[in-house]
């Protein structure tokens, strides 16, 4: 039986300075798909996951953090409407002088020698439109990834794995996600970008972590939320202690918590990048 791909859209009206904090709080509730505007934040989650209890939980978290619940509306969005609205807003994203992300078939002319990644995002997270994706890509550009075994956790559109291949990695890459739509979309993007030897698998980073980590990776990419990271990073440290770990999905106000976790796990911070309210951090085991 086909899985319904209808979504619930929650549209919050709030001051621009609260958009990123609100996004971070909602990410912690398992909402992964967002569209940001000047004074609005649209959040999307599968219709099957929506309930009055979920609504009450979200309202309580926002009230506890902001003192009151921002004005918001809720509407049902069918699959066909979602794709049309999402794609209508997509514009080219220049990650750097070296890397450009475009929507497929938009006919964008890159700069000389600029690497182009064509992404058809559908409903998957990781288009380059969010700061966390851009931060991860800018960190990847600085790493000598050519001969690294790479794992991409929560791959979304597959953009990070594809970027690794186009930036010169020549080893097999494993990209995992627990969302069937994301897996389907990532596989499509891998094919369209002719990024060979990237395996996209439907695996849950918590339930299937032992299976995922059996490959013993040199670099682990994890653009995920704080709650999941808190649960899986100790196991990553234990099972693959020599791996470099590049992570994002963490807001700047959670940085003290993050550094406390690194200290507990004996990770050394190599580099931290910031954009807006978000950070990306590369860590390694001390030599």
Protein backbone atom coordinates (compact mmCIF):
# COMPACT_ATOMS: atom_id res chain seq x y z
CA UNK A 1 0.00 0.00 0.00
CA UNK A 2 1.38 3.43 -0.92
CA UNK A 3 2.24 5.70 1.97
CA UNK A 4 0.36 8.98 2.15
CA UNK A 5 2.60 11.97 1.49
CA UNK A 6 0.19 14.60 2.68
CA UNK A 7 1.63 17.09 5.14
CA UNK A 8 0.53 19.50 7.82
CA UNK A 9 1.82 23.06 7.42
CA UNK A 10 2.19 25.16 10.57
CA UNK A 11 2.79 28.83 9.76
CA UNK A 12 4.14 30.95 12.63
CA UNK A 13 4.11 34.74 12.52
CA UNK A 14 6.88 36.10 14.72
CA UNK A 15 9.72 38.67 14.80
CA UNK A 16 12.63 37.83 12.51
CA UNK A 17 15.02 37.44 15.45
CA UNK A 18 12.86 34.60 16.81
CA UNK A 19 12.64 32.61 13.58
CA UNK A 20 15.88 30.65 14.08
CA UNK A 21 15.25 29.91 17.80
CA UNK A 22 11.74 28.76 16.91
CA UNK A 23 13.12 26.56 14.14
CA UNK A 24 15.59 25.02 16.57
CA UNK A 25 12.87 24.23 19.11
CA UNK A 26 10.68 22.63 16.45
CA UNK A 27 13.62 20.61 15.15
CA UNK A 28 13.89 19.10 18.62
CA UNK A 29 10.29 17.95 18.24
CA UNK A 30 11.15 15.93 15.15
CA UNK A 31 10.00 18.50 12.58
CA UNK A 32 12.66 18.60 9.87
CA UNK A 33 11.16 20.58 7.00
CA UNK A 34 10.97 24.37 7.10
CA UNK A 35 10.57 27.40 4.91
CA UNK A 36 11.78 30.73 6.31
CA UNK A 37 10.45 34.13 5.35
CA UNK A 38 11.01 37.62 6.74
CA UNK A 39 8.49 37.40 9.56
CA UNK A 40 7.12 33.89 9.10
CA UNK A 41 8.27 30.35 9.62
CA UNK A 42 6.49 27.47 7.90
CA UNK A 43 7.04 24.04 9.45
CA UNK A 44 5.96 20.79 7.83
CA UNK A 45 5.39 17.33 9.23
CA UNK A 46 3.65 14.25 7.82
CA UNK A 47 -0.11 14.25 8.25
CA UNK A 48 0.19 10.82 9.88
CA UNK A 49 2.30 12.31 12.70
CA UNK A 50 -0.06 15.20 13.46
CA UNK A 51 -2.38 15.07 16.46
CA UNK A 52 -3.86 17.36 19.07
CA UNK A 53 -1.25 16.03 21.50
CA UNK A 54 1.56 17.01 19.10
CA UNK A 55 0.00 20.47 18.77
CA UNK A 56 -0.23 20.87 22.57
CA UNK A 57 3.40 19.75 23.01
CA UNK A 58 4.61 22.29 20.45
CA UNK A 59 2.60 25.08 22.05
CA UNK A 60 3.94 24.23 25.50
CA UNK A 61 7.55 24.23 24.34
CA UNK A 62 7.18 27.59 22.59
CA UNK A 63 5.40 29.13 25.58
CA UNK A 64 8.09 27.91 27.96
CA UNK A 65 10.82 29.37 25.77
CA UNK A 66 9.23 32.62 24.58
CA UNK A 67 6.76 33.37 27.37
CA UNK A 68 3.84 33.05 24.97
CA UNK A 69 2.91 31.09 21.88
CA UNK A 70 3.52 32.98 18.61
CA UNK A 71 0.49 33.40 16.38
CA UNK A 72 0.19 30.42 14.05
CA UNK A 73 -2.14 28.70 11.62
CA UNK A 74 -2.45 25.05 10.63
CA UNK A 75 -3.51 23.68 7.26
CA UNK A 76 -3.42 20.39 5.39
CA UNK A 77 -1.11 20.28 2.35
CA UNK A 78 -1.53 17.55 -0.23
CA UNK A 79 1.55 16.04 -1.84
CA UNK A 80 1.01 17.71 -5.21
CA UNK A 81 0.54 21.13 -3.59
CA UNK A 82 3.62 20.72 -1.45
CA UNK A 83 5.96 20.04 -4.34
CA UNK A 84 4.62 22.96 -6.37
CA UNK A 85 4.98 25.45 -3.50
CA UNK A 86 8.40 24.20 -2.46
CA UNK A 87 9.93 24.22 -5.93
CA UNK A 88 8.51 27.66 -6.69
CA UNK A 89 10.70 29.16 -3.95
CA UNK A 90 13.97 27.49 -4.90
CA UNK A 91 16.82 29.66 -6.11
CA UNK A 92 20.50 28.85 -6.77
CA UNK A 93 22.60 28.68 -3.62
CA UNK A 94 26.27 29.57 -3.90
CA UNK A 95 27.98 27.75 -1.06
CA UNK A 96 31.39 29.09 -2.05
CA UNK A 97 33.43 30.06 -5.09
CA UNK A 98 33.88 26.32 -5.61
CA UNK A 99 30.39 24.95 -5.00
CA UNK A 100 26.93 25.83 -6.35
CA UNK A 101 23.60 24.11 -5.65
CA UNK A 102 20.81 24.53 -8.19
CA UNK A 103 17.42 23.03 -8.81
CA UNK A 104 17.44 20.60 -11.70
CA UNK A 105 16.59 22.01 -15.13
CA UNK A 106 16.86 25.64 -14.04
CA UNK A 107 19.61 26.32 -16.60
CA UNK A 108 21.91 28.26 -14.25
CA UNK A 109 25.36 29.14 -15.61
CA UNK A 110 28.06 28.50 -12.98
CA UNK A 111 31.32 30.39 -12.59
CA UNK A 112 34.37 28.91 -14.32
CA UNK A 113 35.48 25.67 -12.60
CA UNK A 114 32.57 25.86 -10.14
CA UNK A 115 31.20 22.47 -9.10
CA UNK A 116 27.43 22.22 -9.64
CA UNK A 117 25.12 19.95 -7.65
CA UNK A 118 21.61 19.62 -9.07
CA UNK A 119 19.03 18.87 -6.40
CA UNK A 120 15.36 18.06 -6.84
CA UNK A 121 14.43 18.33 -3.15
CA UNK A 122 10.83 17.10 -3.06
CA UNK A 123 10.16 16.91 0.70
CA UNK A 124 13.68 16.08 1.87
CA UNK A 125 15.78 18.23 4.15
CA UNK A 126 19.13 19.48 2.88
CA UNK A 127 18.77 21.75 -0.10
CA UNK A 128 21.44 24.25 0.86
CA UNK A 129 18.73 26.67 1.92
CA UNK A 130 19.33 26.01 5.58
CA UNK A 131 22.39 27.33 7.38
CA UNK A 132 23.27 23.90 8.77
CA UNK A 133 23.64 22.41 5.28
CA UNK A 134 25.74 25.33 4.08
CA UNK A 135 27.99 25.11 7.14
CA UNK A 136 28.54 21.39 6.65
CA UNK A 137 29.43 21.88 2.99
CA UNK A 138 31.92 24.63 3.78
CA UNK A 139 33.59 22.39 6.35
CA UNK A 140 33.73 19.47 3.91
CA UNK A 141 35.49 21.66 1.35
CA UNK A 142 38.37 22.12 3.81
CA UNK A 143 38.89 18.42 4.58
CA UNK A 144 41.15 16.14 2.56
CA UNK A 145 38.37 13.65 1.82
CA UNK A 146 39.86 11.94 -1.24
CA UNK A 147 40.56 8.53 0.31
CA UNK A 148 38.15 8.70 3.27
CA UNK A 149 35.41 6.17 4.00
CA UNK A 150 32.40 8.42 4.58
CA UNK A 151 29.09 7.95 6.38
CA UNK A 152 26.28 10.49 5.95
CA UNK A 153 23.71 10.20 8.76
CA UNK A 154 20.28 11.68 8.03
CA UNK A 155 21.15 12.25 4.39
CA UNK A 156 17.91 14.00 3.36
CA UNK A 157 18.38 14.99 -0.29
CA UNK A 158 21.80 13.32 -0.35
CA UNK A 159 23.49 16.67 -0.98
CA UNK A 160 26.37 16.12 1.47
CA UNK A 161 27.23 12.70 0.09
CA UNK A 162 27.01 13.98 -3.48
CA UNK A 163 29.22 16.94 -2.59
CA UNK A 164 31.85 14.59 -1.14
CA UNK A 165 31.94 12.64 -4.39
CA UNK A 166 32.14 15.76 -6.55
CA UNK A 167 34.84 17.25 -4.30
CA UNK A 168 37.10 14.30 -5.02
CA UNK A 169 36.28 11.43 -2.67
CA UNK A 170 37.03 8.10 -4.36
CA UNK A 171 35.81 5.58 -1.76
CA UNK A 172 32.36 4.06 -1.26
CA UNK A 173 29.97 6.33 0.65
CA UNK A 174 27.06 5.16 2.81
CA UNK A 175 24.16 7.59 3.23
CA UNK A 176 21.30 6.66 5.58
CA UNK A 177 17.92 8.09 6.48
CA UNK A 178 14.87 6.74 8.29
CA UNK A 179 12.42 8.58 6.02
CA UNK A 180 11.29 6.63 2.96
CA UNK A 181 10.70 9.78 0.96
CA UNK A 182 14.19 11.07 1.75
CA UNK A 183 15.77 7.77 0.71
CA UNK A 184 13.86 7.78 -2.59
CA UNK A 185 14.78 11.42 -3.21
CA UNK A 186 18.46 10.96 -2.31
CA UNK A 187 18.78 8.00 -4.67
CA UNK A 188 17.25 10.06 -7.46
CA UNK A 189 19.65 12.95 -6.82
CA UNK A 190 22.63 10.60 -6.69
CA UNK A 191 21.67 9.22 -10.12
CA UNK A 192 21.00 12.64 -11.64
CA UNK A 193 24.40 13.92 -10.47
CA UNK A 194 26.16 10.77 -11.72
CA UNK A 195 27.68 10.36 -8.27
CA UNK A 196 28.79 6.74 -8.38
CA UNK A 197 29.29 4.34 -5.47
CA UNK A 198 26.99 6.13 -3.03
CA UNK A 199 24.74 3.64 -1.29
CA UNK A 200 21.55 5.21 0.11
CA UNK A 201 19.91 2.95 2.69
CA UNK A 202 16.70 3.10 4.74
CA UNK A 203 18.18 2.78 8.24
CA UNK A 204 17.37 4.42 11.55
CA UNK A 205 20.41 6.01 13.18
CA UNK A 206 19.29 4.90 16.64
CA UNK A 207 17.67 1.51 16.05
CA UNK A 208 20.22 0.39 13.44
CA UNK A 209 23.33 2.14 14.73
CA UNK A 210 25.38 -1.04 15.20
CA UNK A 211 24.69 -2.04 11.60
CA UNK A 212 25.45 1.44 10.31
CA UNK A 213 28.76 1.74 12.15
CA UNK A 214 30.04 -1.67 11.11
CA UNK A 215 31.84 0.00 8.20
CA UNK A 216 34.38 1.81 10.42
CA UNK A 217 34.38 5.22 8.75
CA UNK A 218 37.07 7.88 8.52
CA UNK A 219 34.53 10.72 8.40
CA UNK A 220 31.00 10.74 9.81
CA UNK A 221 28.61 13.50 8.73
CA UNK A 222 25.67 14.14 11.05
CA UNK A 223 23.37 17.08 10.32
CA UNK A 224 20.76 16.12 12.90
CA UNK A 225 19.08 17.63 15.94
CA UNK A 226 20.46 17.92 19.46
CA UNK A 227 18.31 15.18 20.98
CA UNK A 228 19.41 12.52 18.51
CA UNK A 229 23.02 13.62 18.65
CA UNK A 230 22.99 13.37 22.43
CA UNK A 231 21.88 9.75 22.16
CA UNK A 232 24.14 8.53 19.35
CA UNK A 233 27.44 10.38 19.76
CA UNK A 234 28.57 8.27 22.77
CA UNK A 235 28.10 5.11 20.68
CA UNK A 236 29.94 6.65 17.73
CA UNK A 237 32.82 7.55 20.03
CA UNK A 238 32.93 4.02 21.43
CA UNK A 239 32.51 2.05 18.22
CA UNK A 240 34.50 4.22 15.79
CA UNK A 241 36.94 6.13 18.02
CA UNK A 242 39.25 7.13 15.17
CA UNK A 243 36.54 8.73 13.02
CA UNK A 244 36.40 12.43 12.36
CA UNK A 245 32.87 13.63 13.13
CA UNK A 246 31.37 16.66 11.41
CA UNK A 247 28.07 17.68 12.92
CA UNK A 248 25.47 20.40 12.70
CA UNK A 249 21.82 20.94 13.59
CA UNK A 250 22.94 22.62 16.83
CA UNK A 251 22.00 26.18 17.74
CA UNK A 252 24.58 28.56 19.15
CA UNK A 253 22.85 28.76 22.53
CA UNK A 254 23.40 25.00 22.88
CA UNK A 255 27.15 25.33 22.41
CA UNK A 256 27.96 25.02 26.15
CA UNK A 257 26.01 21.75 26.25
CA UNK A 258 27.83 20.56 23.13
CA UNK A 259 31.28 21.30 24.55
CA UNK A 260 30.36 19.54 27.78
CA UNK A 261 29.42 16.48 25.73
CA UNK A 262 32.70 16.67 23.80
CA UNK A 263 34.64 16.88 27.06
CA UNK A 264 32.81 13.89 28.49
CA UNK A 265 33.53 11.84 25.36
CA UNK A 266 37.12 13.13 25.05
CA UNK A 267 36.67 14.70 21.64
CA UNK A 268 38.92 17.54 20.50
CA UNK A 269 37.35 20.37 18.53
CA UNK A 270 39.16 20.94 15.23
CA UNK A 271 37.02 23.78 13.91
CA UNK A 272 33.67 25.44 14.52
CA UNK A 273 31.84 27.54 11.92
CA UNK A 274 28.83 29.77 12.58
CA UNK A 275 25.99 31.18 10.50
CA UNK A 276 22.97 32.96 11.91
CA UNK A 277 21.90 31.02 15.02
CA UNK A 278 23.57 27.77 13.96
CA UNK A 279 26.95 26.11 14.22
CA UNK A 280 28.85 23.28 12.59
CA UNK A 281 31.63 21.54 14.45
CA UNK A 282 34.41 19.15 13.35
CA UNK A 283 35.80 16.95 16.13
CA UNK A 284 38.41 14.23 16.40
CA UNK A 285 39.94 11.93 18.96
CA UNK A 286 42.98 13.49 20.62
CA UNK A 287 46.28 12.12 19.34
